[in-house]
Amino acid sequence: MNVEERTLRWLVDKWLAPTPTNPVRLTRCGRTNSSQTRCVLAQSSTPEKSLAIFFFRHDDGSWRVFPPAPPRPVMQAYAGMG
């Protein structure tokens, strides 16, 4: 995946294909409660259909249609004294 394919603009164009007669409305959702992840709601509607997709910002700066995985517990081993 190249850098351009990680932008919110590229994903909105890919998934919703906005046009001058069928624009997309973006609404910032703030941060999700559990992980403080930023998300955006993209909405598009025509007389025939209505579509809404949530996009989530990942730690690497990319936007995706799925939320990032929550942080997992980490266990470390320390070398013994001796």
N, C-alpha and C. Protein backbone atom coordinates (compact mmCIF):
# COMPACT_ATOMS: atom_id res chain seq x y z
N MET A 1 0.86 -1.17 0.00
CA MET A 1 0.00 0.00 0.00
C MET A 1 0.90 1.23 0.00
N ASN A 2 0.73 2.08 -1.00
CA ASN A 2 1.56 3.29 -1.03
C ASN A 2 0.97 4.36 -0.12
N VAL A 3 1.73 5.42 0.07
CA VAL A 3 1.34 6.47 1.01
C VAL A 3 0.01 7.10 0.62
N GLU A 4 -0.23 7.30 -0.66
CA GLU A 4 -1.48 7.93 -1.11
C GLU A 4 -2.69 7.10 -0.71
N GLU A 5 -2.57 5.78 -0.72
CA GLU A 5 -3.70 4.90 -0.41
C GLU A 5 -4.05 4.90 1.07
N ARG A 6 -3.28 5.59 1.88
CA ARG A 6 -3.57 5.67 3.32
C ARG A 6 -4.29 6.96 3.69
N THR A 7 -4.47 7.88 2.75
CA THR A 7 -5.09 9.16 3.07
C THR A 7 -6.60 9.03 3.13
N LEU A 8 -7.21 9.88 3.92
CA LEU A 8 -8.66 9.88 4.02
C LEU A 8 -9.30 10.26 2.69
N ARG A 9 -8.71 11.21 1.99
CA ARG A 9 -9.26 11.63 0.69
C ARG A 9 -9.30 10.47 -0.30
N TRP A 10 -8.21 9.69 -0.35
CA TRP A 10 -8.15 8.57 -1.28
C TRP A 10 -9.22 7.54 -0.95
N LEU A 11 -9.40 7.24 0.34
CA LEU A 11 -10.40 6.26 0.75
C LEU A 11 -11.82 6.74 0.47
N VAL A 12 -12.10 8.01 0.72
CA VAL A 12 -13.43 8.55 0.42
C VAL A 12 -13.70 8.46 -1.08
N ASP A 13 -12.72 8.82 -1.89
CA ASP A 13 -12.89 8.70 -3.35
C ASP A 13 -13.13 7.25 -3.76
N LYS A 14 -12.39 6.33 -3.15
CA LYS A 14 -12.51 4.91 -3.50
C LYS A 14 -13.87 4.33 -3.10
N TRP A 15 -14.29 4.58 -1.87
CA TRP A 15 -15.49 3.94 -1.35
C TRP A 15 -16.78 4.67 -1.72
N LEU A 16 -16.74 6.00 -1.81
CA LEU A 16 -17.98 6.76 -2.01
C LEU A 16 -18.08 7.45 -3.36
N ALA A 17 -16.98 7.60 -4.08
CA ALA A 17 -16.94 8.20 -5.42
C ALA A 17 -17.76 9.50 -5.49
N PRO A 18 -17.35 10.53 -4.75
CA PRO A 18 -18.12 11.78 -4.77
C PRO A 18 -18.05 12.47 -6.14
N THR A 19 -19.12 13.18 -6.45
CA THR A 19 -19.20 13.99 -7.67
C THR A 19 -19.79 15.34 -7.28
N PRO A 20 -19.74 16.33 -8.18
CA PRO A 20 -20.36 17.63 -7.85
C PRO A 20 -21.85 17.51 -7.54
N THR A 21 -22.54 16.57 -8.17
CA THR A 21 -23.97 16.40 -7.90
C THR A 21 -24.25 15.44 -6.75
N ASN A 22 -23.22 14.69 -6.33
CA ASN A 22 -23.37 13.74 -5.24
C ASN A 22 -22.18 13.90 -4.28
N PRO A 23 -22.14 15.00 -3.52
CA PRO A 23 -20.99 15.23 -2.63
C PRO A 23 -21.02 14.32 -1.41
N VAL A 24 -19.90 14.27 -0.71
CA VAL A 24 -19.77 13.49 0.52
C VAL A 24 -19.67 14.47 1.68
N ARG A 25 -20.38 14.15 2.74
CA ARG A 25 -20.33 14.97 3.95
C ARG A 25 -19.48 14.24 4.98
N LEU A 26 -18.45 14.92 5.51
CA LEU A 26 -17.59 14.34 6.53
C LEU A 26 -17.92 14.95 7.89
N THR A 27 -18.04 14.10 8.88
CA THR A 27 -18.32 14.53 10.24
C THR A 27 -17.27 13.93 11.16
N ARG A 28 -16.56 14.80 11.86
CA ARG A 28 -15.54 14.32 12.81
C ARG A 28 -16.25 13.75 14.02
N CYS A 29 -15.93 12.53 14.36
CA CYS A 29 -16.58 11.86 15.49
C CYS A 29 -15.78 12.01 16.77
N GLY A 30 -14.69 12.72 16.71
CA GLY A 30 -13.86 12.84 17.90
C GLY A 30 -13.06 11.58 18.09
N ARG A 31 -13.01 11.13 19.31
CA ARG A 31 -12.24 9.93 19.64
C ARG A 31 -13.17 8.88 20.23
N THR A 32 -12.92 7.63 19.90
CA THR A 32 -13.73 6.56 20.47
C THR A 32 -13.43 6.44 21.95
N ASN A 33 -14.38 6.01 22.71
CA ASN A 33 -14.24 5.97 24.17
C ASN A 33 -13.15 5.04 24.66
N SER A 34 -13.07 3.85 24.10
CA SER A 34 -12.18 2.84 24.67
C SER A 34 -10.71 3.09 24.36
N SER A 35 -10.38 3.54 23.16
CA SER A 35 -8.97 3.61 22.78
C SER A 35 -8.49 5.01 22.41
N GLN A 36 -9.35 6.00 22.48
CA GLN A 36 -8.99 7.37 22.09
C GLN A 36 -8.57 7.46 20.62
N THR A 37 -9.10 6.59 19.78
CA THR A 37 -8.80 6.58 18.35
C THR A 37 -9.68 7.60 17.63
N ARG A 38 -9.08 8.39 16.73
CA ARG A 38 -9.87 9.35 15.97
C ARG A 38 -10.68 8.62 14.90
N CYS A 39 -11.90 9.12 14.67
CA CYS A 39 -12.72 8.54 13.61
C CYS A 39 -13.50 9.65 12.91
N VAL A 40 -13.88 9.37 11.65
CA VAL A 40 -14.62 10.30 10.81
C VAL A 40 -15.77 9.52 10.17
N LEU A 41 -16.94 10.13 10.12
CA LEU A 41 -18.08 9.53 9.44
C LEU A 41 -18.22 10.20 8.08
N ALA A 42 -18.22 9.41 7.01
CA ALA A 42 -18.41 9.91 5.65
C ALA A 42 -19.79 9.46 5.19
N GLN A 43 -20.61 10.43 4.72
CA GLN A 43 -21.98 10.12 4.30
C GLN A 43 -22.23 10.65 2.89
N SER A 44 -22.94 9.84 2.13
CA SER A 44 -23.33 10.22 0.78
C SER A 44 -24.74 9.70 0.55
N SER A 45 -25.54 10.47 -0.16
CA SER A 45 -26.90 9.99 -0.44
C SER A 45 -27.37 10.49 -1.79
N THR A 46 -28.15 9.66 -2.42
CA THR A 46 -28.83 9.98 -3.67
C THR A 46 -30.29 9.57 -3.48
N PRO A 47 -31.16 9.91 -4.41
CA PRO A 47 -32.55 9.46 -4.26
C PRO A 47 -32.68 7.93 -4.18
N GLU A 48 -31.72 7.23 -4.78
CA GLU A 48 -31.80 5.77 -4.81
C GLU A 48 -31.17 5.09 -3.60
N LYS A 49 -30.15 5.72 -3.00
CA LYS A 49 -29.44 5.05 -1.92
C LYS A 49 -28.80 6.05 -0.97
N SER A 50 -28.47 5.55 0.20
CA SER A 50 -27.76 6.32 1.20
C SER A 50 -26.64 5.44 1.73
N LEU A 51 -25.46 6.04 1.92
CA LEU A 51 -24.30 5.28 2.35
C LEU A 51 -23.55 6.06 3.42
N ALA A 52 -23.14 5.36 4.46
CA ALA A 52 -22.35 5.97 5.53
C ALA A 52 -21.25 4.99 5.94
N ILE A 53 -20.02 5.50 6.04
CA ILE A 53 -18.87 4.67 6.41
C ILE A 53 -18.07 5.41 7.47
N PHE A 54 -17.66 4.68 8.51
CA PHE A 54 -16.73 5.23 9.50
C PHE A 54 -15.31 4.90 9.07
N PHE A 55 -14.42 5.89 9.18
CA PHE A 55 -13.00 5.68 8.92
C PHE A 55 -12.26 5.95 10.23
N PHE A 56 -11.27 5.11 10.52
CA PHE A 56 -10.51 5.19 11.77
C PHE A 56 -9.06 5.50 11.48
N ARG A 57 -8.46 6.37 12.28
CA ARG A 57 -7.05 6.74 12.16
C ARG A 57 -6.20 5.75 12.94
N HIS A 58 -5.17 5.20 12.29
CA HIS A 58 -4.28 4.23 12.93
C HIS A 58 -3.00 4.92 13.39
N ASP A 59 -2.24 4.23 14.23
CA ASP A 59 -1.02 4.80 14.81
C ASP A 59 0.02 5.16 13.76
N ASP A 60 0.01 4.48 12.60
CA ASP A 60 0.98 4.79 11.55
C ASP A 60 0.55 5.97 10.69
N GLY A 61 -0.59 6.61 11.04
CA GLY A 61 -1.07 7.77 10.30
C GLY A 61 -2.06 7.45 9.20
N SER A 62 -2.28 6.18 8.93
CA SER A 62 -3.19 5.79 7.86
C SER A 62 -4.64 5.79 8.36
N TRP A 63 -5.58 5.85 7.42
CA TRP A 63 -7.00 5.76 7.71
C TRP A 63 -7.50 4.44 7.16
N ARG A 64 -8.36 3.76 7.92
CA ARG A 64 -8.89 2.46 7.49
C ARG A 64 -10.36 2.39 7.87
N VAL A 65 -11.07 1.40 7.30
CA VAL A 65 -12.49 1.23 7.60
C VAL A 65 -12.71 0.35 8.84
N PHE A 66 -11.64 -0.11 9.45
CA PHE A 66 -11.74 -0.88 10.68
C PHE A 66 -10.91 -0.19 11.76
N PRO A 67 -11.33 -0.27 13.02
CA PRO A 67 -10.58 0.39 14.09
C PRO A 67 -9.26 -0.33 14.36
N PRO A 68 -8.28 0.39 14.88
CA PRO A 68 -7.02 -0.26 15.22
C PRO A 68 -7.21 -1.25 16.37
N ALA A 69 -6.35 -2.24 16.40
CA ALA A 69 -6.41 -3.24 17.47
C ALA A 69 -6.06 -2.57 18.80
N PRO A 70 -6.74 -2.96 19.86
CA PRO A 70 -6.41 -2.38 21.17
C PRO A 70 -5.02 -2.84 21.61
N PRO A 71 -4.35 -2.04 22.42
CA PRO A 71 -3.04 -2.46 22.91
C PRO A 71 -3.17 -3.73 23.75
N ARG A 72 -2.20 -4.60 23.58
CA ARG A 72 -2.21 -5.87 24.31
C ARG A 72 -1.21 -5.83 25.46
N PRO A 73 -1.48 -6.62 26.49
CA PRO A 73 -0.49 -6.70 27.58
C PRO A 73 0.82 -7.28 27.06
N VAL A 74 1.90 -6.82 27.62
CA VAL A 74 3.22 -7.28 27.21
C VAL A 74 3.93 -7.87 28.41
N MET A 75 4.54 -9.03 28.19
CA MET A 75 5.30 -9.66 29.25
C MET A 75 6.77 -9.66 28.83
N GLN A 76 7.64 -9.30 29.75
CA GLN A 76 9.06 -9.29 29.45
C GLN A 76 9.78 -10.18 30.46
N ALA A 77 10.85 -10.81 29.99
CA ALA A 77 11.68 -11.62 30.85
C ALA A 77 12.98 -10.89 31.12
N TYR A 78 13.43 -10.94 32.35
CA TYR A 78 14.67 -10.28 32.71
C TYR A 78 15.72 -11.35 33.01
N ALA A 79 16.93 -11.06 32.63
CA ALA A 79 18.02 -12.00 32.91
C ALA A 79 18.23 -12.09 34.41
N GLY A 80 18.44 -13.30 34.90
CA GLY A 80 18.62 -13.49 36.33
C GLY A 80 19.96 -12.95 36.82
N MET A 81 20.05 -12.69 38.07
CA MET A 81 21.29 -12.17 38.65
C MET A 81 22.23 -13.34 38.92
N GLY A 82 23.46 -13.19 38.60
CA GLY A 82 24.34 -14.28 38.94
C GLY A 82 25.58 -14.36 38.18
